[in-house]
Each structure stands twice: as structure tokens, then as C-alpha cells.
Amino acid sequence: MKKKFVSIVLAAGVIATPVVTTTAVYASQNNKNSTYEININSTKIKKATISGISFSYKNAPASVKSAYLKDARTLGVQVTNNSNIFIPDFDVSKYNLSKDDLQKSAVESWTIEDYGSYFISTQIYTGRQYTVSKSTLVGYNHVTSGNPVHLTQLFLNIFAYKYPGHNSVAVDSIFGPNTQQAVLSFQQFAGLSNDATVGPNTWNAFSSYCLN
């Protein structure tokens, strides 16, 4: 692994920091706008930032888009040219990207913050933001695409970086076989029920192992 590809920043925990915004609109688990009421007494517990590059489906090289297309077809997810695929910096080398490929990519960074009963994930350069409740169930027969899956995949990549030997995944917002296996691996590591479903216990374990 080349050091230049490692750019996950694990930020120190911020305890008892008041949230000044009382109401905000984020994308829901179905990528539709919903209003989340943010308690003025909520506090930031932990956070982490993960950086990398992203491709639109239209511009993604074959090594990046092949697994995405397969998972999308399996789960009946509509593929558009603007569909986004994010690759953490530490994982870029395994795709054997050329200089021309890299020129088609965009720099992207995400910050995840734990507010107790929910997470807020923010794309640093654009300000795009979404909220995922820890009561959300992610996995087959539950939510298999959209923001909750995107957050799951961000967590899995932070975990893979912090604990070598565990598989990273492309962040494509689709719960395919690679994501399922990575969730199972994480659950086994954390001593959780191995059901490949991300629920309250797994969300809290993600926070414990992945955020500072």
C-alpha cells in the first residue's frame, strides 16, 4: 500500500457541542426530500472524514463500473449517467486506473457525525448532506439502495482501513454481494448477530469502531 493513497482523517471526538440548527432538510433513505427535526439539545458525539475520488457512471472506467452495473441489475436499481461511485484514496491502486481515467474523476470527501440516535453525513466540497436514523434497517429485504447504503459503505471502508485484513467496498449506494459480505465480516468482528442486516446494534458498533 502506497502512503500517498491513504487520506482518511479520523477527527477527534467533539463532546457536548450544541447543534444550533433546529430544522433541516436532507435526502431520505429513498433519496427524496424529508424534514428531520434536530433537537436543540443534541450533541455531536464522534466523527470521522474519509477522502477519495468519484466517478459518474458515464465517465467511470470499466474496472469501476462493472460491479456497480451487475448489482444495479440484480436489485432493479435504475442506472443513470450521473450515478455516483466513490473510491477511498487508500483503495484507488487496486483499480489500475490510468492517467486518463484519473482525469475523469473528481476529488470527494465525506464527514460522518454521530448525534446519538442518527448520523449526519456531509460531502465537504459541495455541502450535500443527508441524515440516517439508527433505526433504519439496511440489507436484503430492507433498504438496498440510497443514502443508508451509502453510509454503510463509508463505514465499511473506514473499518477496513483501521483494521487491515477486512475487505473494502466501492461506495455506490447499492447493497450488493460485496457489501453484504463486508457487513457480515464486520458483525463477526464486533461480536454481533451475523444476519447481514445493518440495524441499531450494527450502527452503534460502526460508531464505536469507525468514529473518534
N, C-alpha and C. Protein backbone atom coordinates (compact mmCIF):
# COMPACT_ATOMS: atom_id res chain seq x y z
N MET A 1 0.84 -1.19 0.00
CA MET A 1 0.00 0.00 0.00
C MET A 1 0.88 1.24 0.00
N LYS A 2 0.63 2.16 -0.93
CA LYS A 2 1.42 3.37 -1.01
C LYS A 2 0.80 4.44 -0.11
N LYS A 3 1.66 5.11 0.65
CA LYS A 3 1.17 6.08 1.61
C LYS A 3 0.37 7.19 0.95
N LYS A 4 0.70 7.50 -0.31
CA LYS A 4 0.01 8.63 -0.94
C LYS A 4 -1.46 8.37 -1.17
N PHE A 5 -1.88 7.11 -1.07
CA PHE A 5 -3.27 6.79 -1.28
C PHE A 5 -4.06 6.81 0.03
N VAL A 6 -3.38 7.02 1.15
CA VAL A 6 -4.06 7.00 2.43
C VAL A 6 -4.41 8.41 2.84
N SER A 7 -5.70 8.72 2.90
CA SER A 7 -6.07 10.07 3.30
C SER A 7 -7.34 10.10 4.13
N ILE A 8 -7.58 9.01 4.88
CA ILE A 8 -8.69 9.05 5.83
C ILE A 8 -8.24 9.88 7.02
N VAL A 9 -9.05 10.82 7.42
CA VAL A 9 -8.74 11.65 8.58
C VAL A 9 -9.73 11.30 9.67
N LEU A 10 -9.25 10.74 10.76
CA LEU A 10 -10.11 10.39 11.87
C LEU A 10 -10.06 11.53 12.88
N ALA A 11 -11.11 12.32 12.90
CA ALA A 11 -11.10 13.52 13.72
C ALA A 11 -11.36 13.18 15.17
N ALA A 12 -10.81 13.97 16.05
CA ALA A 12 -11.03 13.77 17.48
C ALA A 12 -12.49 14.00 17.82
N GLY A 13 -13.00 13.26 18.82
CA GLY A 13 -14.39 13.39 19.20
C GLY A 13 -14.69 14.77 19.75
N VAL A 14 -15.89 15.24 19.48
CA VAL A 14 -16.33 16.53 19.99
C VAL A 14 -17.46 16.26 20.95
N ILE A 15 -17.29 16.54 22.21
CA ILE A 15 -18.29 16.20 23.21
C ILE A 15 -19.08 17.44 23.59
N ALA A 16 -20.38 17.24 23.71
CA ALA A 16 -21.29 18.29 24.22
C ALA A 16 -21.19 19.59 23.43
N THR A 17 -21.19 19.48 22.09
CA THR A 17 -21.22 20.67 21.24
C THR A 17 -22.66 20.91 20.80
N PRO A 18 -23.30 22.00 21.18
CA PRO A 18 -24.71 22.22 20.84
C PRO A 18 -24.92 22.30 19.34
N VAL A 19 -26.03 21.78 18.88
CA VAL A 19 -26.44 21.93 17.49
C VAL A 19 -27.32 23.16 17.41
N VAL A 20 -26.96 24.12 16.58
CA VAL A 20 -27.68 25.38 16.55
C VAL A 20 -28.83 25.37 15.55
N THR A 21 -28.82 24.42 14.63
CA THR A 21 -29.90 24.34 13.65
C THR A 21 -31.02 23.48 14.20
N THR A 22 -32.24 23.96 14.15
CA THR A 22 -33.37 23.22 14.71
C THR A 22 -34.11 22.41 13.67
N THR A 23 -34.11 22.84 12.42
CA THR A 23 -34.79 22.11 11.37
C THR A 23 -33.95 22.14 10.11
N ALA A 24 -33.83 20.98 9.46
CA ALA A 24 -33.06 20.93 8.22
C ALA A 24 -33.69 19.92 7.29
N VAL A 25 -33.43 20.06 6.02
CA VAL A 25 -33.97 19.13 5.03
C VAL A 25 -32.82 18.37 4.39
N TYR A 26 -32.90 17.07 4.45
CA TYR A 26 -31.88 16.19 3.87
C TYR A 26 -32.57 15.19 2.96
N ALA A 27 -31.77 14.40 2.27
CA ALA A 27 -32.33 13.33 1.45
C ALA A 27 -32.69 12.17 2.34
N SER A 28 -33.84 11.56 2.12
CA SER A 28 -34.26 10.42 2.91
C SER A 28 -33.61 9.16 2.38
N GLN A 29 -33.97 8.01 2.99
CA GLN A 29 -33.37 6.75 2.55
C GLN A 29 -33.77 6.41 1.11
N ASN A 30 -34.82 7.01 0.64
CA ASN A 30 -35.23 6.79 -0.74
C ASN A 30 -34.79 7.93 -1.65
N ASN A 31 -33.88 8.76 -1.13
CA ASN A 31 -33.35 9.90 -1.88
C ASN A 31 -34.42 10.92 -2.23
N LYS A 32 -35.45 10.99 -1.41
CA LYS A 32 -36.46 12.03 -1.56
C LYS A 32 -36.32 12.99 -0.37
N ASN A 33 -36.66 14.22 -0.59
CA ASN A 33 -36.50 15.19 0.49
C ASN A 33 -37.50 14.92 1.61
N SER A 34 -36.99 14.89 2.84
CA SER A 34 -37.82 14.77 4.03
C SER A 34 -37.29 15.74 5.06
N THR A 35 -38.15 16.14 5.99
CA THR A 35 -37.72 17.07 7.03
C THR A 35 -37.40 16.29 8.29
N TYR A 36 -36.21 16.54 8.84
CA TYR A 36 -35.80 15.92 10.08
C TYR A 36 -35.73 17.01 11.14
N GLU A 37 -36.43 16.82 12.24
CA GLU A 37 -36.36 17.78 13.34
C GLU A 37 -35.13 17.46 14.18
N ILE A 38 -34.22 18.40 14.29
CA ILE A 38 -33.00 18.20 15.05
C ILE A 38 -33.16 18.85 16.41
N ASN A 39 -33.08 18.06 17.45
CA ASN A 39 -33.24 18.55 18.81
C ASN A 39 -32.14 19.55 19.15
N ILE A 40 -32.53 20.69 19.67
CA ILE A 40 -31.55 21.71 20.00
C ILE A 40 -30.57 21.23 21.07
N ASN A 41 -30.95 20.20 21.84
CA ASN A 41 -30.08 19.67 22.89
C ASN A 41 -29.21 18.51 22.41
N SER A 42 -29.34 18.14 21.13
CA SER A 42 -28.49 17.07 20.61
C SER A 42 -27.03 17.51 20.66
N THR A 43 -26.13 16.55 20.80
CA THR A 43 -24.71 16.86 20.84
C THR A 43 -23.95 15.97 19.89
N LYS A 44 -22.90 16.52 19.29
CA LYS A 44 -22.02 15.72 18.46
C LYS A 44 -21.26 14.76 19.37
N ILE A 45 -21.25 13.51 19.03
CA ILE A 45 -20.55 12.53 19.85
C ILE A 45 -19.19 12.21 19.25
N LYS A 46 -19.18 11.76 18.02
CA LYS A 46 -17.94 11.37 17.35
C LYS A 46 -18.04 11.74 15.88
N LYS A 47 -16.89 11.78 15.22
CA LYS A 47 -16.93 11.98 13.77
C LYS A 47 -15.66 11.45 13.13
N ALA A 48 -15.72 11.30 11.81
CA ALA A 48 -14.57 10.89 11.00
C ALA A 48 -14.77 11.43 9.60
N THR A 49 -13.67 11.59 8.88
CA THR A 49 -13.72 12.05 7.49
C THR A 49 -12.98 11.06 6.61
N ILE A 50 -13.56 10.73 5.48
CA ILE A 50 -12.94 9.82 4.52
C ILE A 50 -12.86 10.51 3.16
N SER A 51 -11.69 10.46 2.54
CA SER A 51 -11.46 11.15 1.27
C SER A 51 -11.13 10.17 0.16
N GLY A 52 -11.39 10.58 -1.08
CA GLY A 52 -11.09 9.73 -2.22
C GLY A 52 -11.44 10.42 -3.52
N ILE A 53 -11.77 9.61 -4.50
CA ILE A 53 -12.18 10.15 -5.79
C ILE A 53 -13.51 9.53 -6.18
N SER A 54 -14.22 10.19 -7.07
CA SER A 54 -15.51 9.67 -7.51
C SER A 54 -15.63 9.78 -9.02
N PHE A 55 -16.47 8.91 -9.57
CA PHE A 55 -16.78 8.93 -10.99
C PHE A 55 -18.28 8.95 -11.17
N SER A 56 -18.74 9.63 -12.19
CA SER A 56 -20.11 9.41 -12.64
C SER A 56 -20.10 8.10 -13.41
N TYR A 57 -21.26 7.45 -13.47
CA TYR A 57 -21.31 6.18 -14.20
C TYR A 57 -20.87 6.37 -15.64
N LYS A 58 -21.24 7.49 -16.23
CA LYS A 58 -20.90 7.75 -17.63
C LYS A 58 -19.39 7.78 -17.85
N ASN A 59 -18.65 8.36 -16.90
CA ASN A 59 -17.21 8.52 -17.07
C ASN A 59 -16.37 7.45 -16.38
N ALA A 60 -17.01 6.55 -15.66
CA ALA A 60 -16.26 5.56 -14.91
C ALA A 60 -15.59 4.54 -15.83
N PRO A 61 -14.33 4.18 -15.56
CA PRO A 61 -13.67 3.13 -16.34
C PRO A 61 -14.32 1.78 -16.06
N ALA A 62 -14.08 0.83 -16.94
CA ALA A 62 -14.72 -0.48 -16.84
C ALA A 62 -14.45 -1.15 -15.50
N SER A 63 -13.23 -1.00 -14.97
CA SER A 63 -12.88 -1.65 -13.71
C SER A 63 -13.70 -1.12 -12.54
N VAL A 64 -14.24 0.07 -12.67
CA VAL A 64 -15.03 0.68 -11.60
C VAL A 64 -16.52 0.40 -11.79
N LYS A 65 -17.01 0.47 -13.01
CA LYS A 65 -18.45 0.38 -13.25
C LYS A 65 -18.97 -1.04 -13.36
N SER A 66 -18.14 -2.04 -13.58
CA SER A 66 -18.63 -3.40 -13.85
C SER A 66 -19.42 -3.97 -12.68
N ALA A 67 -18.88 -3.92 -11.46
CA ALA A 67 -19.58 -4.47 -10.30
C ALA A 67 -20.83 -3.65 -10.00
N TYR A 68 -20.75 -2.34 -10.19
CA TYR A 68 -21.90 -1.47 -9.95
C TYR A 68 -23.06 -1.85 -10.87
N LEU A 69 -22.77 -2.05 -12.13
CA LEU A 69 -23.81 -2.38 -13.10
C LEU A 69 -24.44 -3.73 -12.77
N LYS A 70 -23.62 -4.70 -12.37
CA LYS A 70 -24.14 -6.03 -12.02
C LYS A 70 -25.08 -5.95 -10.82
N ASP A 71 -24.67 -5.23 -9.78
CA ASP A 71 -25.51 -5.10 -8.58
C ASP A 71 -26.79 -4.33 -8.88
N ALA A 72 -26.68 -3.30 -9.68
CA ALA A 72 -27.85 -2.49 -10.01
C ALA A 72 -28.90 -3.34 -10.74
N ARG A 73 -28.45 -4.15 -11.66
CA ARG A 73 -29.38 -5.01 -12.42
C ARG A 73 -30.01 -6.05 -11.50
N THR A 74 -29.22 -6.62 -10.59
CA THR A 74 -29.72 -7.64 -9.69
C THR A 74 -30.82 -7.10 -8.78
N LEU A 75 -30.63 -5.86 -8.30
CA LEU A 75 -31.56 -5.27 -7.35
C LEU A 75 -32.61 -4.38 -8.01
N GLY A 76 -32.56 -4.28 -9.33
CA GLY A 76 -33.55 -3.48 -10.04
C GLY A 76 -33.38 -1.99 -9.84
N VAL A 77 -32.14 -1.56 -9.58
CA VAL A 77 -31.86 -0.14 -9.39
C VAL A 77 -31.58 0.50 -10.74
N GLN A 78 -32.25 1.61 -11.01
CA GLN A 78 -32.06 2.29 -12.29
C GLN A 78 -30.68 2.94 -12.34
N VAL A 79 -29.95 2.67 -13.41
CA VAL A 79 -28.63 3.26 -13.61
C VAL A 79 -28.76 4.48 -14.51
N THR A 80 -28.21 5.59 -14.08
CA THR A 80 -28.19 6.80 -14.90
C THR A 80 -26.74 7.21 -15.11
N ASN A 81 -26.52 8.04 -16.10
CA ASN A 81 -25.16 8.50 -16.38
C ASN A 81 -24.57 9.29 -15.22
N ASN A 82 -25.44 9.87 -14.39
CA ASN A 82 -24.97 10.67 -13.26
C ASN A 82 -24.83 9.88 -11.96
N SER A 83 -25.13 8.59 -11.99
CA SER A 83 -24.95 7.76 -10.79
C SER A 83 -23.50 7.86 -10.33
N ASN A 84 -23.32 7.99 -9.00
CA ASN A 84 -22.01 8.28 -8.45
C ASN A 84 -21.35 7.05 -7.83
N ILE A 85 -20.05 6.87 -8.09
CA ILE A 85 -19.28 5.78 -7.50
C ILE A 85 -18.04 6.40 -6.85
N PHE A 86 -17.91 6.21 -5.53
CA PHE A 86 -16.83 6.80 -4.75
C PHE A 86 -15.82 5.73 -4.36
N ILE A 87 -14.52 6.06 -4.50
CA ILE A 87 -13.44 5.14 -4.14
C ILE A 87 -12.53 5.84 -3.15
N PRO A 88 -12.35 5.28 -1.95
CA PRO A 88 -11.44 5.90 -0.98
C PRO A 88 -10.01 5.96 -1.52
N ASP A 89 -9.26 6.95 -1.10
CA ASP A 89 -7.88 7.12 -1.58
C ASP A 89 -7.04 5.86 -1.39
N PHE A 90 -7.19 5.22 -0.23
CA PHE A 90 -6.33 4.07 0.05
C PHE A 90 -6.66 2.86 -0.82
N ASP A 91 -7.78 2.92 -1.53
CA ASP A 91 -8.24 1.79 -2.34
C ASP A 91 -8.05 2.02 -3.84
N VAL A 92 -7.61 3.21 -4.23
CA VAL A 92 -7.54 3.57 -5.65
C VAL A 92 -6.62 2.64 -6.42
N SER A 93 -5.51 2.25 -5.81
CA SER A 93 -4.48 1.49 -6.54
C SER A 93 -4.98 0.15 -7.07
N LYS A 94 -5.96 -0.45 -6.41
CA LYS A 94 -6.40 -1.78 -6.84
C LYS A 94 -7.21 -1.75 -8.14
N TYR A 95 -7.61 -0.56 -8.59
CA TYR A 95 -8.38 -0.45 -9.83
C TYR A 95 -7.51 -0.24 -11.06
N ASN A 96 -6.20 -0.09 -10.86
CA ASN A 96 -5.27 0.06 -12.00
C ASN A 96 -5.72 1.17 -12.95
N LEU A 97 -5.99 2.31 -12.40
CA LEU A 97 -6.50 3.43 -13.19
C LEU A 97 -5.37 4.13 -13.95
N SER A 98 -5.65 4.49 -15.17
CA SER A 98 -4.67 5.22 -15.98
C SER A 98 -4.77 6.71 -15.67
N LYS A 99 -3.83 7.48 -16.21
CA LYS A 99 -3.89 8.93 -16.04
C LYS A 99 -5.14 9.50 -16.67
N ASP A 100 -5.53 8.93 -17.81
CA ASP A 100 -6.76 9.40 -18.46
C ASP A 100 -7.97 9.11 -17.59
N ASP A 101 -7.97 7.93 -16.95
CA ASP A 101 -9.07 7.59 -16.04
C ASP A 101 -9.16 8.59 -14.90
N LEU A 102 -8.02 8.88 -14.29
CA LEU A 102 -7.99 9.78 -13.13
C LEU A 102 -8.44 11.19 -13.49
N GLN A 103 -8.17 11.60 -14.74
CA GLN A 103 -8.59 12.92 -15.17
C GLN A 103 -10.11 13.05 -15.25
N LYS A 104 -10.79 11.92 -15.35
CA LYS A 104 -12.25 11.92 -15.41
C LYS A 104 -12.89 11.86 -14.03
N SER A 105 -12.06 11.73 -13.00
CA SER A 105 -12.58 11.61 -11.64
C SER A 105 -12.67 12.97 -10.97
N ALA A 106 -13.36 13.02 -9.83
CA ALA A 106 -13.45 14.23 -9.03
C ALA A 106 -13.01 13.91 -7.61
N VAL A 107 -12.36 14.87 -6.97
CA VAL A 107 -11.97 14.71 -5.58
C VAL A 107 -13.22 14.81 -4.71
N GLU A 108 -13.33 13.90 -3.73
CA GLU A 108 -14.54 13.87 -2.91
C GLU A 108 -14.16 13.48 -1.48
N SER A 109 -14.77 14.13 -0.50
CA SER A 109 -14.56 13.81 0.91
C SER A 109 -15.89 13.85 1.65
N TRP A 110 -16.04 12.91 2.58
CA TRP A 110 -17.26 12.83 3.37
C TRP A 110 -16.93 12.86 4.86
N THR A 111 -17.70 13.61 5.62
CA THR A 111 -17.60 13.60 7.07
C THR A 111 -18.85 12.96 7.64
N ILE A 112 -18.66 12.05 8.60
CA ILE A 112 -19.77 11.39 9.28
C ILE A 112 -19.77 11.86 10.73
N GLU A 113 -20.93 12.29 11.22
CA GLU A 113 -21.07 12.70 12.61
C GLU A 113 -22.18 11.91 13.28
N ASP A 114 -21.92 11.47 14.50
CA ASP A 114 -22.89 10.69 15.27
C ASP A 114 -23.59 11.62 16.25
N TYR A 115 -24.91 11.72 16.14
CA TYR A 115 -25.70 12.57 17.03
C TYR A 115 -26.56 11.75 17.98
N GLY A 116 -26.12 10.55 18.28
CA GLY A 116 -26.82 9.73 19.25
C GLY A 116 -27.81 8.77 18.63
N SER A 117 -28.91 9.28 18.11
CA SER A 117 -29.92 8.40 17.51
C SER A 117 -29.88 8.43 15.99
N TYR A 118 -28.99 9.26 15.43
CA TYR A 118 -28.89 9.35 13.98
C TYR A 118 -27.51 9.86 13.60
N PHE A 119 -27.16 9.66 12.33
CA PHE A 119 -25.92 10.17 11.77
C PHE A 119 -26.22 11.26 10.76
N ILE A 120 -25.32 12.21 10.64
CA ILE A 120 -25.36 13.16 9.54
C ILE A 120 -24.08 12.99 8.74
N SER A 121 -24.23 12.77 7.44
CA SER A 121 -23.08 12.63 6.54
C SER A 121 -23.05 13.82 5.60
N THR A 122 -21.89 14.45 5.48
CA THR A 122 -21.77 15.67 4.69
C THR A 122 -20.64 15.55 3.68
N GLN A 123 -20.93 15.86 2.43
CA GLN A 123 -19.89 15.93 1.41
C GLN A 123 -19.23 17.30 1.53
N ILE A 124 -17.95 17.30 1.85
CA ILE A 124 -17.28 18.53 2.27
C ILE A 124 -17.27 19.60 1.19
N TYR A 125 -16.96 19.24 -0.04
CA TYR A 125 -16.74 20.26 -1.07
C TYR A 125 -18.03 20.83 -1.64
N THR A 126 -19.12 20.07 -1.58
CA THR A 126 -20.37 20.55 -2.15
C THR A 126 -21.40 20.94 -1.09
N GLY A 127 -21.21 20.45 0.13
CA GLY A 127 -22.18 20.72 1.17
C GLY A 127 -23.39 19.81 1.14
N ARG A 128 -23.43 18.86 0.20
CA ARG A 128 -24.54 17.91 0.18
C ARG A 128 -24.57 17.17 1.51
N GLN A 129 -25.77 16.95 2.04
CA GLN A 129 -25.90 16.40 3.38
C GLN A 129 -27.12 15.50 3.46
N TYR A 130 -27.01 14.42 4.21
CA TYR A 130 -28.17 13.58 4.46
C TYR A 130 -28.10 13.02 5.87
N THR A 131 -29.25 12.60 6.37
CA THR A 131 -29.38 12.05 7.72
C THR A 131 -29.88 10.62 7.64
N VAL A 132 -29.32 9.75 8.47
CA VAL A 132 -29.78 8.36 8.56
C VAL A 132 -30.04 8.04 10.03
N SER A 133 -31.23 7.60 10.34
CA SER A 133 -31.59 7.20 11.69
C SER A 133 -30.98 5.83 12.00
N LYS A 134 -30.60 5.62 13.26
CA LYS A 134 -30.06 4.32 13.66
C LYS A 134 -31.14 3.24 13.73
N SER A 135 -32.39 3.63 13.56
CA SER A 135 -33.47 2.64 13.49
C SER A 135 -33.65 2.09 12.07
N THR A 136 -32.95 2.69 11.11
CA THR A 136 -33.04 2.25 9.71
C THR A 136 -32.41 0.86 9.56
N LEU A 137 -33.08 -0.02 8.84
CA LEU A 137 -32.56 -1.36 8.56
C LEU A 137 -32.04 -1.41 7.13
N VAL A 138 -30.77 -1.78 6.97
CA VAL A 138 -30.14 -1.86 5.66
C VAL A 138 -29.76 -3.30 5.38
N GLY A 139 -30.13 -3.80 4.21
CA GLY A 139 -29.80 -5.17 3.83
C GLY A 139 -30.89 -5.75 2.97
N TYR A 140 -30.69 -6.98 2.51
CA TYR A 140 -31.70 -7.62 1.69
C TYR A 140 -33.01 -7.73 2.47
N ASN A 141 -34.12 -7.50 1.77
CA ASN A 141 -35.47 -7.44 2.34
C ASN A 141 -35.69 -6.18 3.17
N HIS A 142 -34.73 -5.27 3.14
CA HIS A 142 -34.87 -3.98 3.83
C HIS A 142 -34.45 -2.90 2.83
N VAL A 143 -33.72 -1.90 3.26
CA VAL A 143 -33.23 -0.86 2.36
C VAL A 143 -32.01 -1.39 1.61
N THR A 144 -32.04 -1.36 0.30
CA THR A 144 -30.93 -1.89 -0.50
C THR A 144 -30.29 -0.86 -1.42
N SER A 145 -30.74 0.39 -1.33
CA SER A 145 -30.12 1.43 -2.14
C SER A 145 -30.36 2.78 -1.47
N GLY A 146 -29.62 3.78 -1.92
CA GLY A 146 -29.81 5.13 -1.40
C GLY A 146 -28.86 5.49 -0.28
N ASN A 147 -29.20 6.54 0.44
CA ASN A 147 -28.30 7.11 1.44
C ASN A 147 -27.91 6.16 2.58
N PRO A 148 -28.83 5.36 3.14
CA PRO A 148 -28.42 4.45 4.20
C PRO A 148 -27.36 3.44 3.75
N VAL A 149 -27.46 3.00 2.49
CA VAL A 149 -26.45 2.08 1.96
C VAL A 149 -25.13 2.83 1.74
N HIS A 150 -25.23 4.06 1.24
CA HIS A 150 -24.03 4.89 1.06
C HIS A 150 -23.29 5.04 2.38
N LEU A 151 -24.02 5.34 3.46
CA LEU A 151 -23.39 5.49 4.77
C LEU A 151 -22.79 4.18 5.25
N THR A 152 -23.50 3.09 5.06
CA THR A 152 -22.97 1.76 5.42
C THR A 152 -21.64 1.52 4.74
N GLN A 153 -21.56 1.83 3.46
CA GLN A 153 -20.33 1.60 2.70
C GLN A 153 -19.20 2.52 3.14
N LEU A 154 -19.51 3.75 3.51
CA LEU A 154 -18.48 4.64 4.06
C LEU A 154 -17.91 4.04 5.34
N PHE A 155 -18.79 3.56 6.21
CA PHE A 155 -18.34 2.95 7.46
C PHE A 155 -17.47 1.72 7.18
N LEU A 156 -17.89 0.88 6.26
CA LEU A 156 -17.13 -0.34 5.96
C LEU A 156 -15.73 -0.02 5.47
N ASN A 157 -15.59 1.06 4.73
CA ASN A 157 -14.26 1.44 4.24
C ASN A 157 -13.38 2.03 5.34
N ILE A 158 -13.96 2.80 6.23
CA ILE A 158 -13.18 3.30 7.37
C ILE A 158 -12.73 2.12 8.22
N PHE A 159 -13.63 1.17 8.43
CA PHE A 159 -13.30 -0.03 9.20
C PHE A 159 -12.17 -0.81 8.54
N ALA A 160 -12.26 -1.00 7.22
CA ALA A 160 -11.23 -1.76 6.50
C ALA A 160 -9.87 -1.08 6.59
N TYR A 161 -9.87 0.24 6.61
CA TYR A 161 -8.61 0.98 6.73
C TYR A 161 -8.02 0.87 8.14
N LYS A 162 -8.88 1.00 9.14
CA LYS A 162 -8.41 0.96 10.52
C LYS A 162 -8.03 -0.45 10.98
N TYR A 163 -8.69 -1.45 10.40
CA TYR A 163 -8.45 -2.84 10.81
C TYR A 163 -8.09 -3.67 9.57
N PRO A 164 -6.81 -3.67 9.19
CA PRO A 164 -6.37 -4.37 7.98
C PRO A 164 -6.78 -5.84 7.98
N GLY A 165 -7.05 -6.33 6.79
CA GLY A 165 -7.49 -7.71 6.63
C GLY A 165 -8.97 -7.83 6.33
N HIS A 166 -9.69 -6.74 6.46
CA HIS A 166 -11.11 -6.72 6.14
C HIS A 166 -11.31 -6.03 4.80
N ASN A 167 -12.29 -6.48 4.04
CA ASN A 167 -12.47 -6.01 2.67
C ASN A 167 -13.12 -4.63 2.62
N SER A 168 -12.57 -3.80 1.74
CA SER A 168 -13.19 -2.52 1.43
C SER A 168 -14.23 -2.75 0.34
N VAL A 169 -15.08 -1.74 0.10
CA VAL A 169 -16.11 -1.85 -0.94
C VAL A 169 -16.19 -0.52 -1.68
N ALA A 170 -16.65 -0.59 -2.93
CA ALA A 170 -16.94 0.64 -3.66
C ALA A 170 -18.17 1.28 -3.04
N VAL A 171 -18.17 2.59 -2.93
CA VAL A 171 -19.31 3.31 -2.35
C VAL A 171 -20.21 3.74 -3.51
N ASP A 172 -21.19 2.89 -3.79
CA ASP A 172 -22.08 3.12 -4.94
C ASP A 172 -23.55 3.18 -4.54
N SER A 173 -23.82 3.12 -3.23
CA SER A 173 -25.19 3.22 -2.70
C SER A 173 -26.08 2.04 -3.07
N ILE A 174 -25.47 0.91 -3.45
CA ILE A 174 -26.23 -0.30 -3.77
C ILE A 174 -25.74 -1.44 -2.88
N PHE A 175 -26.68 -2.11 -2.21
CA PHE A 175 -26.34 -3.19 -1.30
C PHE A 175 -26.21 -4.50 -2.08
N GLY A 176 -25.03 -4.70 -2.69
CA GLY A 176 -24.75 -5.90 -3.45
C GLY A 176 -24.01 -6.94 -2.62
N PRO A 177 -23.60 -8.06 -3.24
CA PRO A 177 -22.93 -9.15 -2.52
C PRO A 177 -21.66 -8.72 -1.79
N ASN A 178 -20.85 -7.84 -2.38
CA ASN A 178 -19.62 -7.41 -1.72
C ASN A 178 -19.91 -6.63 -0.44
N THR A 179 -20.93 -5.78 -0.50
CA THR A 179 -21.32 -5.04 0.70
C THR A 179 -21.88 -5.98 1.75
N GLN A 180 -22.70 -6.94 1.32
CA GLN A 180 -23.26 -7.91 2.25
C GLN A 180 -22.15 -8.69 2.97
N GLN A 181 -21.15 -9.16 2.23
CA GLN A 181 -20.06 -9.91 2.84
C GLN A 181 -19.24 -9.04 3.80
N ALA A 182 -19.06 -7.78 3.44
CA ALA A 182 -18.31 -6.88 4.31
C ALA A 182 -19.08 -6.62 5.60
N VAL A 183 -20.40 -6.51 5.52
CA VAL A 183 -21.22 -6.33 6.73
C VAL A 183 -21.11 -7.56 7.61
N LEU A 184 -21.20 -8.74 7.02
CA LEU A 184 -21.07 -9.98 7.80
C LEU A 184 -19.72 -10.05 8.50
N SER A 185 -18.66 -9.68 7.80
CA SER A 185 -17.32 -9.70 8.38
C SER A 185 -17.23 -8.73 9.55
N PHE A 186 -17.81 -7.55 9.38
CA PHE A 186 -17.79 -6.57 10.46
C PHE A 186 -18.57 -7.08 11.66
N GLN A 187 -19.76 -7.62 11.42
CA GLN A 187 -20.58 -8.12 12.52
C GLN A 187 -19.87 -9.23 13.30
N GLN A 188 -19.19 -10.11 12.58
CA GLN A 188 -18.45 -11.17 13.25
C GLN A 188 -17.33 -10.59 14.10
N PHE A 189 -16.62 -9.61 13.55
CA PHE A 189 -15.53 -8.96 14.27
C PHE A 189 -16.04 -8.28 15.54
N ALA A 190 -17.20 -7.64 15.43
CA ALA A 190 -17.75 -6.87 16.55
C ALA A 190 -18.54 -7.72 17.53
N GLY A 191 -18.66 -9.03 17.26
CA GLY A 191 -19.39 -9.92 18.16
C GLY A 191 -20.90 -9.75 18.10
N LEU A 192 -21.40 -9.34 16.92
CA LEU A 192 -22.83 -9.14 16.74
C LEU A 192 -23.46 -10.34 16.06
N SER A 193 -24.78 -10.37 16.05
CA SER A 193 -25.51 -11.39 15.31
C SER A 193 -25.19 -11.27 13.83
N ASN A 194 -24.77 -12.37 13.21
CA ASN A 194 -24.38 -12.35 11.80
C ASN A 194 -25.62 -12.53 10.91
N ASP A 195 -26.33 -11.44 10.69
CA ASP A 195 -27.53 -11.53 9.86
C ASP A 195 -27.42 -10.67 8.60
N ALA A 196 -26.27 -10.00 8.43
CA ALA A 196 -26.02 -9.16 7.24
C ALA A 196 -27.01 -8.01 7.13
N THR A 197 -27.69 -7.70 8.22
CA THR A 197 -28.61 -6.55 8.25
C THR A 197 -28.04 -5.49 9.17
N VAL A 198 -27.93 -4.29 8.68
CA VAL A 198 -27.45 -3.18 9.50
C VAL A 198 -28.65 -2.57 10.22
N GLY A 199 -28.68 -2.73 11.53
CA GLY A 199 -29.72 -2.17 12.37
C GLY A 199 -29.10 -1.40 13.52
N PRO A 200 -29.86 -1.08 14.57
CA PRO A 200 -29.34 -0.27 15.67
C PRO A 200 -28.02 -0.76 16.27
N ASN A 201 -27.89 -2.07 16.51
CA ASN A 201 -26.66 -2.58 17.12
C ASN A 201 -25.46 -2.42 16.19
N THR A 202 -25.67 -2.67 14.91
CA THR A 202 -24.56 -2.53 13.95
C THR A 202 -24.21 -1.07 13.74
N TRP A 203 -25.22 -0.18 13.68
CA TRP A 203 -24.92 1.25 13.56
C TRP A 203 -24.08 1.72 14.73
N ASN A 204 -24.44 1.29 15.94
CA ASN A 204 -23.68 1.71 17.12
C ASN A 204 -22.28 1.13 17.11
N ALA A 205 -22.14 -0.10 16.61
CA ALA A 205 -20.82 -0.70 16.52
C ALA A 205 -19.98 0.02 15.48
N PHE A 206 -20.59 0.42 14.36
CA PHE A 206 -19.87 1.22 13.37
C PHE A 206 -19.33 2.48 14.04
N SER A 207 -20.15 3.13 14.82
CA SER A 207 -19.73 4.35 15.50
C SER A 207 -18.56 4.07 16.44
N SER A 208 -18.64 2.98 17.18
CA SER A 208 -17.58 2.65 18.15
C SER A 208 -16.25 2.36 17.49
N TYR A 209 -16.29 1.62 16.38
CA TYR A 209 -15.05 1.17 15.74
C TYR A 209 -14.52 2.14 14.69
N CYS A 210 -15.40 2.97 14.14
CA CYS A 210 -15.00 3.79 12.99
C CYS A 210 -14.87 5.28 13.28
N LEU A 211 -15.55 5.77 14.30
CA LEU A 211 -15.52 7.20 14.58
C LEU A 211 -14.70 7.49 15.83
N ASN A 212 -14.14 8.68 15.88
CA ASN A 212 -13.38 9.13 17.05
C ASN A 212 -14.04 10.34 17.68
